[in-house]
PDB file of N, CA and C in Angstrom:
ATOM      1  N   UNK A   1      -5.409  -9.324   9.196  1.00  0.00           N
ATOM      2  CA  UNK A   1      -6.386 -10.398   9.254  1.00  0.00           C
ATOM      3  C   UNK A   1      -7.057 -10.602   7.886  1.00  0.00           C
ATOM      4  N   UNK A   2      -7.343  -9.498   7.187  1.00  0.00           N
ATOM      5  CA  UNK A   2      -7.990  -9.592   5.889  1.00  0.00           C
ATOM      6  C   UNK A   2      -7.058 -10.249   4.876  1.00  0.00           C
ATOM      7  N   UNK A   3      -5.766  -9.985   4.965  1.00  0.00           N
ATOM      8  CA  UNK A   3      -4.788 -10.589   4.060  1.00  0.00           C
ATOM      9  C   UNK A   3      -4.735 -12.103   4.267  1.00  0.00           C
ATOM     10  N   UNK A   4      -4.835 -12.545   5.497  1.00  0.00           N
ATOM     11  CA  UNK A   4      -4.829 -13.973   5.813  1.00  0.00           C
ATOM     12  C   UNK A   4      -6.071 -14.653   5.236  1.00  0.00           C
ATOM     13  N   UNK A   5      -7.230 -14.017   5.369  1.00  0.00           N
ATOM     14  CA  UNK A   5      -8.466 -14.585   4.820  1.00  0.00           C
ATOM     15  C   UNK A   5      -8.405 -14.656   3.295  1.00  0.00           C
ATOM     16  N   UNK A   6      -7.843 -13.635   2.651  1.00  0.00           N
ATOM     17  CA  UNK A   6      -7.708 -13.659   1.192  1.00  0.00           C
ATOM     18  C   UNK A   6      -6.790 -14.784   0.741  1.00  0.00           C
ATOM     19  N   UNK A   7      -5.691 -14.999   1.428  1.00  0.00           N
ATOM     20  CA  UNK A   7      -4.774 -16.093   1.083  1.00  0.00           C
ATOM     21  C   UNK A   7      -5.429 -17.449   1.301  1.00  0.00           C
ATOM     22  N   UNK A   8      -6.144 -17.568   2.400  1.00  0.00           N
ATOM     23  CA  UNK A   8      -6.837 -18.826   2.691  1.00  0.00           C
ATOM     24  C   UNK A   8      -7.899 -19.111   1.623  1.00  0.00           C
ATOM     25  N   UNK A   9      -8.626 -18.086   1.219  1.00  0.00           N
ATOM     26  CA  UNK A   9      -9.640 -18.247   0.180  1.00  0.00           C
ATOM     27  C   UNK A   9      -8.998 -18.621  -1.154  1.00  0.00           C
ATOM     28  N   UNK A  10      -7.870 -18.005  -1.491  1.00  0.00           N
ATOM     29  CA  UNK A  10      -7.165 -18.325  -2.735  1.00  0.00           C
ATOM     30  C   UNK A  10      -6.651 -19.763  -2.724  1.00  0.00           C
ATOM     31  N   UNK A  11      -6.120 -20.217  -1.596  1.00  0.00           N
ATOM     32  CA  UNK A  11      -5.641 -21.603  -1.485  1.00  0.00           C
ATOM     33  C   UNK A  11      -6.805 -22.584  -1.595  1.00  0.00           C
ATOM     34  N   UNK A  12      -7.913 -22.256  -0.988  1.00  0.00           N
ATOM     35  CA  UNK A  12      -9.096 -23.115  -1.060  1.00  0.00           C
ATOM     36  C   UNK A  12      -9.625 -23.190  -2.495  1.00  0.00           C
ATOM     37  N   UNK A  13      -9.634 -22.082  -3.187  1.00  0.00           N
ATOM     38  CA  UNK A  13     -10.072 -22.055  -4.574  1.00  0.00           C
ATOM     39  C   UNK A  13      -9.143 -22.881  -5.460  1.00  0.00           C
ATOM     40  N   UNK A  14      -7.855 -22.760  -5.283  1.00  0.00           N
ATOM     41  CA  UNK A  14      -6.890 -23.553  -6.060  1.00  0.00           C
ATOM     42  C   UNK A  14      -7.056 -25.046  -5.782  1.00  0.00           C
ATOM     43  N   UNK A  15      -7.232 -25.400  -4.530  1.00  0.00           N
ATOM     44  CA  UNK A  15      -7.414 -26.804  -4.170  1.00  0.00           C
ATOM     45  C   UNK A  15      -8.687 -27.374  -4.795  1.00  0.00           C
ATOM     46  N   UNK A  16      -9.779 -26.587  -4.802  1.00  0.00           N
ATOM     47  CA  UNK A  16     -11.020 -27.087  -5.391  1.00  0.00           C
ATOM     48  C   UNK A  16     -10.899 -27.222  -6.911  1.00  0.00           C
ATOM     49  N   UNK A  17     -10.160 -26.334  -7.568  1.00  0.00           N
ATOM     50  CA  UNK A  17      -9.937 -26.454  -9.007  1.00  0.00           C
ATOM     51  C   UNK A  17      -9.115 -27.687  -9.347  1.00  0.00           C
ATOM     52  N   UNK A  18      -8.082 -27.948  -8.574  1.00  0.00           N
ATOM     53  CA  UNK A  18      -7.255 -29.135  -8.794  1.00  0.00           C
ATOM     54  C   UNK A  18      -8.079 -30.400  -8.559  1.00  0.00           C
ATOM     55  N   UNK A  19      -8.880 -30.409  -7.514  1.00  0.00           N
ATOM     56  CA  UNK A  19      -9.713 -31.573  -7.202  1.00  0.00           C
ATOM     57  C   UNK A  19     -10.725 -31.838  -8.320  1.00  0.00           C
ATOM     58  N   UNK A  20     -11.381 -30.780  -8.810  1.00  0.00           N
ATOM     59  CA  UNK A  20     -12.389 -30.990  -9.850  1.00  0.00           C
ATOM     60  C   UNK A  20     -11.750 -31.423 -11.170  1.00  0.00           C
ATOM     61  N   UNK A  21     -10.542 -30.953 -11.466  1.00  0.00           N
ATOM     62  CA  UNK A  21      -9.853 -31.389 -12.685  1.00  0.00           C
ATOM     63  C   UNK A  21      -9.440 -32.855 -12.574  1.00  0.00           C
ATOM     64  N   UNK A  22      -9.059 -33.296 -11.385  1.00  0.00           N
ATOM     65  CA  UNK A  22      -8.627 -34.679 -11.186  1.00  0.00           C
ATOM     66  C   UNK A  22      -9.803 -35.653 -11.132  1.00  0.00           C
ATOM     67  N   UNK A  23     -10.993 -35.181 -10.806  1.00  0.00           N
ATOM     68  CA  UNK A  23     -12.156 -36.052 -10.664  1.00  0.00           C
ATOM     69  C   UNK A  23     -13.201 -35.815 -11.747  1.00  0.00           C
ATOM     70  N   UNK A  24     -12.752 -35.471 -12.938  1.00  0.00           N
ATOM     71  CA  UNK A  24     -13.661 -35.313 -14.070  1.00  0.00           C
ATOM     72  C   UNK A  24     -14.099 -36.714 -14.502  1.00  0.00           C
ATOM     73  N   UNK A  25     -15.419 -36.979 -14.600  1.00  0.00           N
ATOM     74  CA  UNK A  25     -15.885 -38.338 -14.895  1.00  0.00           C
ATOM     75  C   UNK A  25     -15.611 -38.756 -16.349  1.00  0.00           C
ATOM     76  N   UNK A  26     -15.582 -40.076 -16.557  1.00  0.00           N
ATOM     77  CA  UNK A  26     -15.280 -40.663 -17.856  1.00  0.00           C
ATOM     78  C   UNK A  26     -16.575 -41.108 -18.550  1.00  0.00           C
ATOM     79  N   UNK A  27     -16.423 -41.646 -19.746  1.00  0.00           N
ATOM     80  CA  UNK A  27     -17.586 -42.159 -20.478  1.00  0.00           C
ATOM     81  C   UNK A  27     -18.144 -43.413 -19.801  1.00  0.00           C
ATOM     82  N   UNK A  28     -17.295 -44.214 -19.160  1.00  0.00           N
ATOM     83  CA  UNK A  28     -17.779 -45.372 -18.407  1.00  0.00           C
ATOM     84  C   UNK A  28     -18.633 -44.914 -17.222  1.00  0.00           C
ATOM     85  N   UNK A  29     -18.244 -43.809 -16.606  1.00  0.00           N
ATOM     86  CA  UNK A  29     -19.065 -43.239 -15.538  1.00  0.00           C
ATOM     87  C   UNK A  29     -20.419 -42.789 -16.077  1.00  0.00           C
ATOM     88  N   UNK A  30     -20.434 -42.274 -17.311  1.00  0.00           N
ATOM     89  CA  UNK A  30     -21.688 -41.870 -17.948  1.00  0.00           C
ATOM     90  C   UNK A  30     -22.598 -43.079 -18.157  1.00  0.00           C
ATOM     91  N   UNK A  31     -22.027 -44.199 -18.602  1.00  0.00           N
ATOM     92  CA  UNK A  31     -22.839 -45.411 -18.797  1.00  0.00           C
ATOM     93  C   UNK A  31     -23.412 -45.911 -17.474  1.00  0.00           C
ATOM     94  N   UNK A  32     -22.622 -45.841 -16.402  1.00  0.00           N
ATOM     95  CA  UNK A  32     -23.141 -46.222 -15.076  1.00  0.00           C
ATOM     96  C   UNK A  32     -24.253 -45.262 -14.632  1.00  0.00           C
ATOM     97  N   UNK A  33     -24.073 -43.985 -14.918  1.00  0.00           N
ATOM     98  CA  UNK A  33     -25.080 -42.981 -14.567  1.00  0.00           C
ATOM     99  C   UNK A  33     -26.377 -43.233 -15.338  1.00  0.00           C
ATOM    100  N   UNK A  34     -26.268 -43.583 -16.637  1.00  0.00           N
ATOM    101  CA  UNK A  34     -27.464 -43.908 -17.424  1.00  0.00           C
ATOM    102  C   UNK A  34     -28.207 -45.100 -16.825  1.00  0.00           C
ATOM    103  N   UNK A  35     -27.464 -46.098 -16.375  1.00  0.00           N
ATOM    104  CA  UNK A  35     -28.094 -47.282 -15.779  1.00  0.00           C
ATOM    105  C   UNK A  35     -28.817 -46.916 -14.483  1.00  0.00           C
ATOM    106  N   UNK A  36     -28.186 -46.109 -13.633  1.00  0.00           N
ATOM    107  CA  UNK A  36     -28.797 -45.740 -12.361  1.00  0.00           C
ATOM    108  C   UNK A  36     -29.946 -44.746 -12.530  1.00  0.00           C
ATOM    109  N   UNK A  37     -29.781 -43.779 -13.416  1.00  0.00           N
ATOM    110  CA  UNK A  37     -30.761 -42.705 -13.564  1.00  0.00           C
ATOM    111  C   UNK A  37     -31.942 -43.101 -14.450  1.00  0.00           C
ATOM    112  N   UNK A  38     -31.680 -43.822 -15.542  1.00  0.00           N
ATOM    113  CA  UNK A  38     -32.724 -44.126 -16.518  1.00  0.00           C
ATOM    114  C   UNK A  38     -32.968 -45.623 -16.717  1.00  0.00           C
ATOM    115  N   UNK A  39     -32.178 -46.478 -16.096  1.00  0.00           N
ATOM    116  CA  UNK A  39     -32.352 -47.921 -16.266  1.00  0.00           C
ATOM    117  C   UNK A  39     -31.875 -48.434 -17.606  1.00  0.00           C
ATOM    118  N   UNK A  40     -30.959 -47.705 -18.262  1.00  0.00           N
ATOM    119  CA  UNK A  40     -30.433 -48.099 -19.567  1.00  0.00           C
ATOM    120  C   UNK A  40     -29.101 -48.817 -19.401  1.00  0.00           C
ATOM    121  N   UNK A  41     -29.006 -50.047 -19.894  1.00  0.00           N
ATOM    122  CA  UNK A  41     -27.743 -50.777 -19.930  1.00  0.00           C
ATOM    123  C   UNK A  41     -27.211 -50.681 -21.350  1.00  0.00           C
ATOM    124  N   UNK A  42     -26.108 -49.970 -21.522  1.00  0.00           N
ATOM    125  CA  UNK A  42     -25.622 -49.657 -22.875  1.00  0.00           C
ATOM    126  C   UNK A  42     -24.391 -50.450 -23.248  1.00  0.00           C
ATOM    127  N   UNK A  43     -24.373 -50.859 -24.510  1.00  0.00           N
ATOM    128  CA  UNK A  43     -23.208 -51.450 -25.149  1.00  0.00           C
ATOM    129  C   UNK A  43     -22.667 -50.457 -26.157  1.00  0.00           C
ATOM    130  N   UNK A  44     -21.849 -50.932 -27.102  1.00  0.00           N
ATOM    131  CA  UNK A  44     -21.261 -49.996 -28.063  1.00  0.00           C
ATOM    132  C   UNK A  44     -22.274 -49.370 -29.035  1.00  0.00           C
ATOM    133  N   UNK A  45     -23.329 -50.096 -29.415  1.00  0.00           N
ATOM    134  CA  UNK A  45     -24.255 -49.574 -30.426  1.00  0.00           C
ATOM    135  C   UNK A  45     -25.703 -49.513 -29.976  1.00  0.00           C
ATOM    136  N   UNK A  46     -26.039 -50.185 -28.876  1.00  0.00           N
ATOM    137  CA  UNK A  46     -27.434 -50.203 -28.449  1.00  0.00           C
ATOM    138  C   UNK A  46     -27.530 -50.260 -26.933  1.00  0.00           C
ATOM    139  N   UNK A  47     -28.729 -49.988 -26.453  1.00  0.00           N
ATOM    140  CA  UNK A  47     -29.017 -50.040 -25.016  1.00  0.00           C
ATOM    141  C   UNK A  47     -30.292 -50.848 -24.806  1.00  0.00           C
ATOM    142  N   UNK A  48     -30.406 -51.447 -23.663  1.00  0.00           N
ATOM    143  CA  UNK A  48     -31.634 -52.142 -23.302  1.00  0.00           C
ATOM    144  C   UNK A  48     -32.173 -51.535 -22.019  1.00  0.00           C
ATOM    145  N   UNK A  49     -33.486 -51.514 -21.927  1.00  0.00           N
ATOM    146  CA  UNK A  49     -34.131 -51.031 -20.717  1.00  0.00           C
ATOM    147  C   UNK A  49     -35.384 -51.851 -20.464  1.00  0.00           C
ATOM    148  N   UNK A  50     -35.729 -51.996 -19.204  1.00  0.00           N
ATOM    149  CA  UNK A  50     -36.920 -52.735 -18.833  1.00  0.00           C
ATOM    150  C   UNK A  50     -38.092 -51.772 -18.794  1.00  0.00           C
ATOM    151  N   UNK A  51     -39.126 -52.088 -19.562  1.00  0.00           N
ATOM    152  CA  UNK A  51     -40.337 -51.276 -19.583  1.00  0.00           C
ATOM    153  C   UNK A  51     -41.096 -51.527 -18.283  1.00  0.00           C
ATOM    154  N   UNK A  52     -41.372 -50.468 -17.537  1.00  0.00           N
ATOM    155  CA  UNK A  52     -42.012 -50.622 -16.235  1.00  0.00           C
ATOM    156  C   UNK A  52     -43.465 -51.063 -16.332  1.00  0.00           C
ATOM    157  N   UNK A  53     -44.126 -50.739 -17.429  1.00  0.00           N
ATOM    158  CA  UNK A  53     -45.530 -51.100 -17.577  1.00  0.00           C
ATOM    159  C   UNK A  53     -45.713 -52.565 -17.945  1.00  0.00           C
ATOM    160  N   UNK A  54     -44.908 -53.066 -18.886  1.00  0.00           N
ATOM    161  CA  UNK A  54     -45.101 -54.428 -19.379  1.00  0.00           C
ATOM    162  C   UNK A  54     -44.046 -55.412 -18.882  1.00  0.00           C
ATOM    163  N   UNK A  55     -43.047 -54.959 -18.152  1.00  0.00           N
ATOM    164  CA  UNK A  55     -41.938 -55.786 -17.650  1.00  0.00           C
ATOM    165  C   UNK A  55     -41.180 -56.489 -18.773  1.00  0.00           C
ATOM    166  N   UNK A  56     -41.232 -55.927 -19.982  1.00  0.00           N
ATOM    167  CA  UNK A  56     -40.471 -56.460 -21.103  1.00  0.00           C
ATOM    168  C   UNK A  56     -39.248 -55.585 -21.326  1.00  0.00           C
ATOM    169  N   UNK A  57     -38.229 -56.182 -21.908  1.00  0.00           N
ATOM    170  CA  UNK A  57     -37.024 -55.430 -22.218  1.00  0.00           C
ATOM    171  C   UNK A  57     -37.145 -54.816 -23.607  1.00  0.00           C
ATOM    172  N   UNK A  58     -36.813 -53.533 -23.706  1.00  0.00           N
ATOM    173  CA  UNK A  58     -36.834 -52.819 -24.976  1.00  0.00           C
ATOM    174  C   UNK A  58     -35.399 -52.543 -25.399  1.00  0.00           C
ATOM    175  N   UNK A  59     -35.161 -52.570 -26.695  1.00  0.00           N
ATOM    176  CA  UNK A  59     -33.845 -52.249 -27.241  1.00  0.00           C
ATOM    177  C   UNK A  59     -33.907 -50.871 -27.875  1.00  0.00           C
ATOM    178  N   UNK A  60     -32.965 -50.020 -27.492  1.00  0.00           N
ATOM    179  CA  UNK A  60     -32.840 -48.691 -28.070  1.00  0.00           C
ATOM    180  C   UNK A  60     -31.511 -48.625 -28.802  1.00  0.00           C
ATOM    181  N   UNK A  61     -31.536 -48.164 -30.027  1.00  0.00           N
ATOM    182  CA  UNK A  61     -30.330 -48.030 -30.836  1.00  0.00           C
ATOM    183  C   UNK A  61     -29.743 -46.641 -30.593  1.00  0.00           C
ATOM    184  N   UNK A  62     -28.431 -46.578 -30.400  1.00  0.00           N
ATOM    185  CA  UNK A  62     -27.752 -45.293 -30.256  1.00  0.00           C
ATOM    186  C   UNK A  62     -27.521 -44.750 -31.660  1.00  0.00           C
ATOM    187  N   UNK A  63     -28.264 -43.707 -32.032  1.00  0.00           N
ATOM    188  CA  UNK A  63     -28.133 -43.142 -33.376  1.00  0.00           C
ATOM    189  C   UNK A  63     -27.190 -41.948 -33.415  1.00  0.00           C
ATOM    190  N   UNK A  64     -26.807 -41.439 -32.272  1.00  0.00           N
ATOM    191  CA  UNK A  64     -25.862 -40.331 -32.224  1.00  0.00           C
ATOM    192  C   UNK A  64     -25.239 -40.218 -30.857  1.00  0.00           C
ATOM    193  N   UNK A  65     -23.964 -39.889 -30.838  1.00  0.00           N
ATOM    194  CA  UNK A  65     -23.260 -39.710 -29.576  1.00  0.00           C
ATOM    195  C   UNK A  65     -22.178 -38.665 -29.777  1.00  0.00           C
ATOM    196  N   UNK A  66     -22.115 -37.743 -28.851  1.00  0.00           N
ATOM    197  CA  UNK A  66     -21.119 -36.686 -28.946  1.00  0.00           C
ATOM    198  C   UNK A  66     -20.544 -36.449 -27.562  1.00  0.00           C
ATOM    199  N   UNK A  67     -19.222 -36.578 -27.444  1.00  0.00           N
ATOM    200  CA  UNK A  67     -18.534 -36.359 -26.179  1.00  0.00           C
ATOM    201  C   UNK A  67     -17.562 -35.199 -26.345  1.00  0.00           C
ATOM    202  N   UNK A  68     -17.649 -34.240 -25.456  1.00  0.00           N
ATOM    203  CA  UNK A  68     -16.689 -33.133 -25.445  1.00  0.00           C
ATOM    204  C   UNK A  68     -15.957 -33.195 -24.117  1.00  0.00           C
ATOM    205  N   UNK A  69     -14.735 -33.698 -24.152  1.00  0.00           N
ATOM    206  CA  UNK A  69     -13.969 -33.824 -22.917  1.00  0.00           C
ATOM    207  C   UNK A  69     -12.699 -32.980 -22.935  1.00  0.00           C
ATOM    208  N   UNK A  70     -12.670 -31.955 -23.767  1.00  0.00           N
ATOM    209  CA  UNK A  70     -11.511 -31.087 -23.842  1.00  0.00           C
ATOM    210  C   UNK A  70     -11.508 -30.008 -22.769  1.00  0.00           C
ATOM    211  N   UNK A  71     -12.541 -29.972 -21.965  1.00  0.00           N
ATOM    212  CA  UNK A  71     -12.613 -28.984 -20.901  1.00  0.00           C
ATOM    213  C   UNK A  71     -11.790 -29.440 -19.708  1.00  0.00           C
ATOM    214  N   UNK A  72     -11.242 -28.510 -18.971  1.00  0.00           N
ATOM    215  CA  UNK A  72     -10.379 -28.843 -17.836  1.00  0.00           C
ATOM    216  C   UNK A  72     -11.163 -29.371 -16.643  1.00  0.00           C
ATOM    217  N   UNK A  73     -12.296 -28.759 -16.321  1.00  0.00           N
ATOM    218  CA  UNK A  73     -13.004 -29.089 -15.090  1.00  0.00           C
ATOM    219  C   UNK A  73     -14.214 -29.992 -15.284  1.00  0.00           C
ATOM    220  N   UNK A  74     -14.726 -30.107 -16.492  1.00  0.00           N
ATOM    221  CA  UNK A  74     -15.939 -30.897 -16.728  1.00  0.00           C
ATOM    222  C   UNK A  74     -15.913 -31.431 -18.149  1.00  0.00           C
ATOM    223  N   UNK A  75     -16.869 -32.304 -18.473  1.00  0.00           N
ATOM    224  CA  UNK A  75     -17.084 -32.739 -19.844  1.00  0.00           C
ATOM    225  C   UNK A  75     -18.583 -32.849 -20.091  1.00  0.00           C
ATOM    226  N   UNK A  76     -18.960 -32.886 -21.350  1.00  0.00           N
ATOM    227  CA  UNK A  76     -20.368 -33.010 -21.707  1.00  0.00           C
ATOM    228  C   UNK A  76     -20.541 -34.186 -22.660  1.00  0.00           C
ATOM    229  N   UNK A  77     -21.654 -34.863 -22.515  1.00  0.00           N
ATOM    230  CA  UNK A  77     -21.988 -35.994 -23.383  1.00  0.00           C
ATOM    231  C   UNK A  77     -23.433 -35.836 -23.821  1.00  0.00           C
ATOM    232  N   UNK A  78     -23.654 -36.087 -25.107  1.00  0.00           N
ATOM    233  CA  UNK A  78     -24.991 -36.071 -25.675  1.00  0.00           C
ATOM    234  C   UNK A  78     -25.204 -37.390 -26.404  1.00  0.00           C
ATOM    235  N   UNK A  79     -26.299 -38.072 -26.111  1.00  0.00           N
ATOM    236  CA  UNK A  79     -26.627 -39.331 -26.782  1.00  0.00           C
ATOM    237  C   UNK A  79     -28.047 -39.265 -27.312  1.00  0.00           C
ATOM    238  N   UNK A  80     -28.215 -39.801 -28.518  1.00  0.00           N
ATOM    239  CA  UNK A  80     -29.529 -39.891 -29.140  1.00  0.00           C
ATOM    240  C   UNK A  80     -29.890 -41.365 -29.264  1.00  0.00           C
ATOM    241  N   UNK A  81     -31.044 -41.726 -28.753  1.00  0.00           N
ATOM    242  CA  UNK A  81     -31.532 -43.103 -28.780  1.00  0.00           C
ATOM    243  C   UNK A  81     -32.783 -43.159 -29.640  1.00  0.00           C
ATOM    244  N   UNK A  82     -32.969 -44.292 -30.326  1.00  0.00           N
ATOM    245  CA  UNK A  82     -34.176 -44.483 -31.123  1.00  0.00           C
ATOM    246  C   UNK A  82     -34.705 -45.885 -30.888  1.00  0.00           C
ATOM    247  N   UNK A  83     -36.012 -45.969 -30.609  1.00  0.00           N
ATOM    248  CA  UNK A  83     -36.670 -47.252 -30.412  1.00  0.00           C
ATOM    249  C   UNK A  83     -37.201 -47.799 -31.712  1.00  0.00           C
ATOM    250  N   UNK A  84     -37.740 -49.024 -31.681  1.00  0.00           N
ATOM    251  CA  UNK A  84     -38.243 -49.641 -32.914  1.00  0.00           C
ATOM    252  C   UNK A  84     -39.492 -48.934 -33.430  1.00  0.00           C
ATOM    253  N   UNK A  85     -40.162 -48.171 -32.566  1.00  0.00           N
ATOM    254  CA  UNK A  85     -41.336 -47.408 -32.999  1.00  0.00           C
ATOM    255  C   UNK A  85     -40.947 -46.129 -33.715  1.00  0.00           C
ATOM    256  N   UNK A  86     -39.653 -45.788 -33.710  1.00  0.00           N
ATOM    257  CA  UNK A  86     -39.183 -44.564 -34.342  1.00  0.00           C
ATOM    258  C   UNK A  86     -39.109 -43.381 -33.403  1.00  0.00           C
ATOM    259  N   UNK A  87     -39.429 -43.596 -32.135  1.00  0.00           N
ATOM    260  CA  UNK A  87     -39.346 -42.515 -31.153  1.00  0.00           C
ATOM    261  C   UNK A  87     -37.893 -42.217 -30.824  1.00  0.00           C
ATOM    262  N   UNK A  88     -37.555 -40.937 -30.796  1.00  0.00           N
ATOM    263  CA  UNK A  88     -36.190 -40.537 -30.478  1.00  0.00           C
ATOM    264  C   UNK A  88     -36.139 -39.870 -29.117  1.00  0.00           C
ATOM    265  N   UNK A  89     -35.046 -40.112 -28.407  1.00  0.00           N
ATOM    266  CA  UNK A  89     -34.779 -39.478 -27.131  1.00  0.00           C
ATOM    267  C   UNK A  89     -33.350 -38.968 -27.145  1.00  0.00           C
ATOM    268  N   UNK A  90     -33.159 -37.717 -26.750  1.00  0.00           N
ATOM    269  CA  UNK A  90     -31.837 -37.125 -26.652  1.00  0.00           C
ATOM    270  C   UNK A  90     -31.580 -36.795 -25.184  1.00  0.00           C
ATOM    271  N   UNK A  91     -30.474 -37.285 -24.665  1.00  0.00           N
ATOM    272  CA  UNK A  91     -30.070 -36.995 -23.290  1.00  0.00           C
ATOM    273  C   UNK A  91     -28.718 -36.306 -23.341  1.00  0.00           C
ATOM    274  N   UNK A  92     -28.654 -35.106 -22.777  1.00  0.00           N
ATOM    275  CA  UNK A  92     -27.410 -34.351 -22.679  1.00  0.00           C
ATOM    276  C   UNK A  92     -27.101 -34.174 -21.207  1.00  0.00           C
ATOM    277  N   UNK A  93     -25.842 -34.439 -20.840  1.00  0.00           N
ATOM    278  CA  UNK A  93     -25.451 -34.356 -19.439  1.00  0.00           C
ATOM    279  C   UNK A  93     -24.080 -33.703 -19.318  1.00  0.00           C
ATOM    280  N   UNK A  94     -23.837 -33.129 -18.157  1.00  0.00           N
ATOM    281  CA  UNK A  94     -22.547 -32.543 -17.846  1.00  0.00           C
ATOM    282  C   UNK A  94     -21.917 -33.369 -16.729  1.00  0.00           C
ATOM    283  N   UNK A  95     -20.636 -33.678 -16.894  1.00  0.00           N
ATOM    284  CA  UNK A  95     -19.897 -34.430 -15.889  1.00  0.00           C
ATOM    285  C   UNK A  95     -18.993 -33.497 -15.103  1.00  0.00           C
ATOM    286  N   UNK A  96     -19.173 -33.493 -13.792  1.00  0.00           N
ATOM    287  CA  UNK A  96     -18.425 -32.592 -12.929  1.00  0.00           C
ATOM    288  C   UNK A  96     -18.259 -33.245 -11.569  1.00  0.00           C
ATOM    289  N   UNK A  97     -17.059 -33.215 -11.026  1.00  0.00           N
ATOM    290  CA  UNK A  97     -16.748 -33.768  -9.704  1.00  0.00           C
ATOM    291  C   UNK A  97     -17.154 -35.236  -9.568  1.00  0.00           C
ATOM    292  N   UNK A  98     -16.925 -36.022 -10.598  1.00  0.00           N
ATOM    293  CA  UNK A  98     -17.151 -37.458 -10.531  1.00  0.00           C
ATOM    294  C   UNK A  98     -18.577 -37.905 -10.787  1.00  0.00           C
ATOM    295  N   UNK A  99     -19.496 -36.986 -11.077  1.00  0.00           N
ATOM    296  CA  UNK A  99     -20.893 -37.335 -11.318  1.00  0.00           C
ATOM    297  C   UNK A  99     -21.400 -36.650 -12.575  1.00  0.00           C
ATOM    298  N   UNK A 100     -22.517 -37.155 -13.075  1.00  0.00           N
ATOM    299  CA  UNK A 100     -23.171 -36.531 -14.215  1.00  0.00           C
ATOM    300  C   UNK A 100     -24.493 -35.932 -13.777  1.00  0.00           C
ATOM    301  N   UNK A 101     -24.871 -34.840 -14.441  1.00  0.00           N
ATOM    302  CA  UNK A 101     -26.106 -34.138 -14.151  1.00  0.00           C
ATOM    303  C   UNK A 101     -26.807 -33.857 -15.473  1.00  0.00           C
ATOM    304  N   UNK A 102     -28.111 -34.104 -15.526  1.00  0.00           N
ATOM    305  CA  UNK A 102     -28.880 -33.926 -16.753  1.00  0.00           C
ATOM    306  C   UNK A 102     -28.971 -32.444 -17.097  1.00  0.00           C
ATOM    307  N   UNK A 103     -28.606 -32.120 -18.326  1.00  0.00           N
ATOM    308  CA  UNK A 103     -28.790 -30.759 -18.833  1.00  0.00           C
ATOM    309  C   UNK A 103     -30.085 -30.656 -19.625  1.00  0.00           C
ATOM    310  N   UNK A 104     -30.267 -31.598 -20.569  1.00  0.00           N
ATOM    311  CA  UNK A 104     -31.437 -31.571 -21.452  1.00  0.00           C
ATOM    312  C   UNK A 104     -31.908 -33.002 -21.667  1.00  0.00           C
ATOM    313  N   UNK A 105     -33.221 -33.172 -21.668  1.00  0.00           N
ATOM    314  CA  UNK A 105     -33.823 -34.449 -22.055  1.00  0.00           C
ATOM    315  C   UNK A 105     -34.974 -34.134 -23.002  1.00  0.00           C
ATOM    316  N   UNK A 106     -34.732 -34.380 -24.275  1.00  0.00           N
ATOM    317  CA  UNK A 106     -35.744 -34.162 -25.306  1.00  0.00           C
ATOM    318  C   UNK A 106     -36.221 -35.516 -25.774  1.00  0.00           C
ATOM    319  N   UNK A 107     -37.545 -35.674 -25.861  1.00  0.00           N
ATOM    320  CA  UNK A 107     -38.032 -37.007 -26.183  1.00  0.00           C
ATOM    321  C   UNK A 107     -39.370 -36.967 -26.897  1.00  0.00           C
ATOM    322  N   UNK A 108     -39.513 -37.889 -27.855  1.00  0.00           N
ATOM    323  CA  UNK A 108     -40.826 -38.154 -28.440  1.00  0.00           C
ATOM    324  C   UNK A 108     -41.618 -39.020 -27.462  1.00  0.00           C
ATOM    325  N   UNK A 109     -40.899 -39.894 -26.779  1.00  0.00           N
ATOM    326  CA  UNK A 109     -41.463 -40.812 -25.790  1.00  0.00           C
ATOM    327  C   UNK A 109     -40.554 -40.743 -24.572  1.00  0.00           C
ATOM    328  N   UNK A 110     -41.066 -40.361 -23.434  1.00  0.00           N
ATOM    329  CA  UNK A 110     -40.246 -40.117 -22.254  1.00  0.00           C
ATOM    330  C   UNK A 110     -39.734 -41.423 -21.667  1.00  0.00           C
ATOM    331  N   UNK A 111     -38.415 -41.462 -21.438  1.00  0.00           N
ATOM    332  CA  UNK A 111     -37.802 -42.589 -20.743  1.00  0.00           C
ATOM    333  C   UNK A 111     -37.962 -42.324 -19.262  1.00  0.00           C
ATOM    334  N   UNK A 112     -38.567 -43.228 -18.504  1.00  0.00           N
ATOM    335  CA  UNK A 112     -38.771 -42.957 -17.091  1.00  0.00           C
ATOM    336  C   UNK A 112     -37.449 -42.890 -16.336  1.00  0.00           C
ATOM    337  N   UNK A 113     -37.315 -41.894 -15.488  1.00  0.00           N
ATOM    338  CA  UNK A 113     -36.083 -41.781 -14.698  1.00  0.00           C
ATOM    339  C   UNK A 113     -36.232 -42.571 -13.419  1.00  0.00           C
ATOM    340  N   UNK A 114     -35.086 -43.024 -12.908  1.00  0.00           N
ATOM    341  CA  UNK A 114     -35.054 -43.887 -11.735  1.00  0.00           C
ATOM    342  C   UNK A 114     -35.243 -43.175 -10.535  1.00  0.00           C
TER     343      UNK A 114
END
């Protein structure tokens, strides 16, 4: 009975590894996640967000971006944004099983999360 449980556990582990490798999210998924989580609509060089206090749209320039997708089961993305006031925000996230999760959010001015 113990041998059967060990085999079943090994098969389940292999299946979950294959599933997570096949469902590693892309950079487009990261942009969708930024829109849902932080309200940022990003293009190639800049992002716009609606300021909740004044209902005006702010433009944030992407001053740095780093994607590490050489991992088998996950990838990481780090983006640095800068507003016209000079405030910088760094968002680092890990992509796993089709979704992104915030690892670090460093900011001079906090971007409100959704």
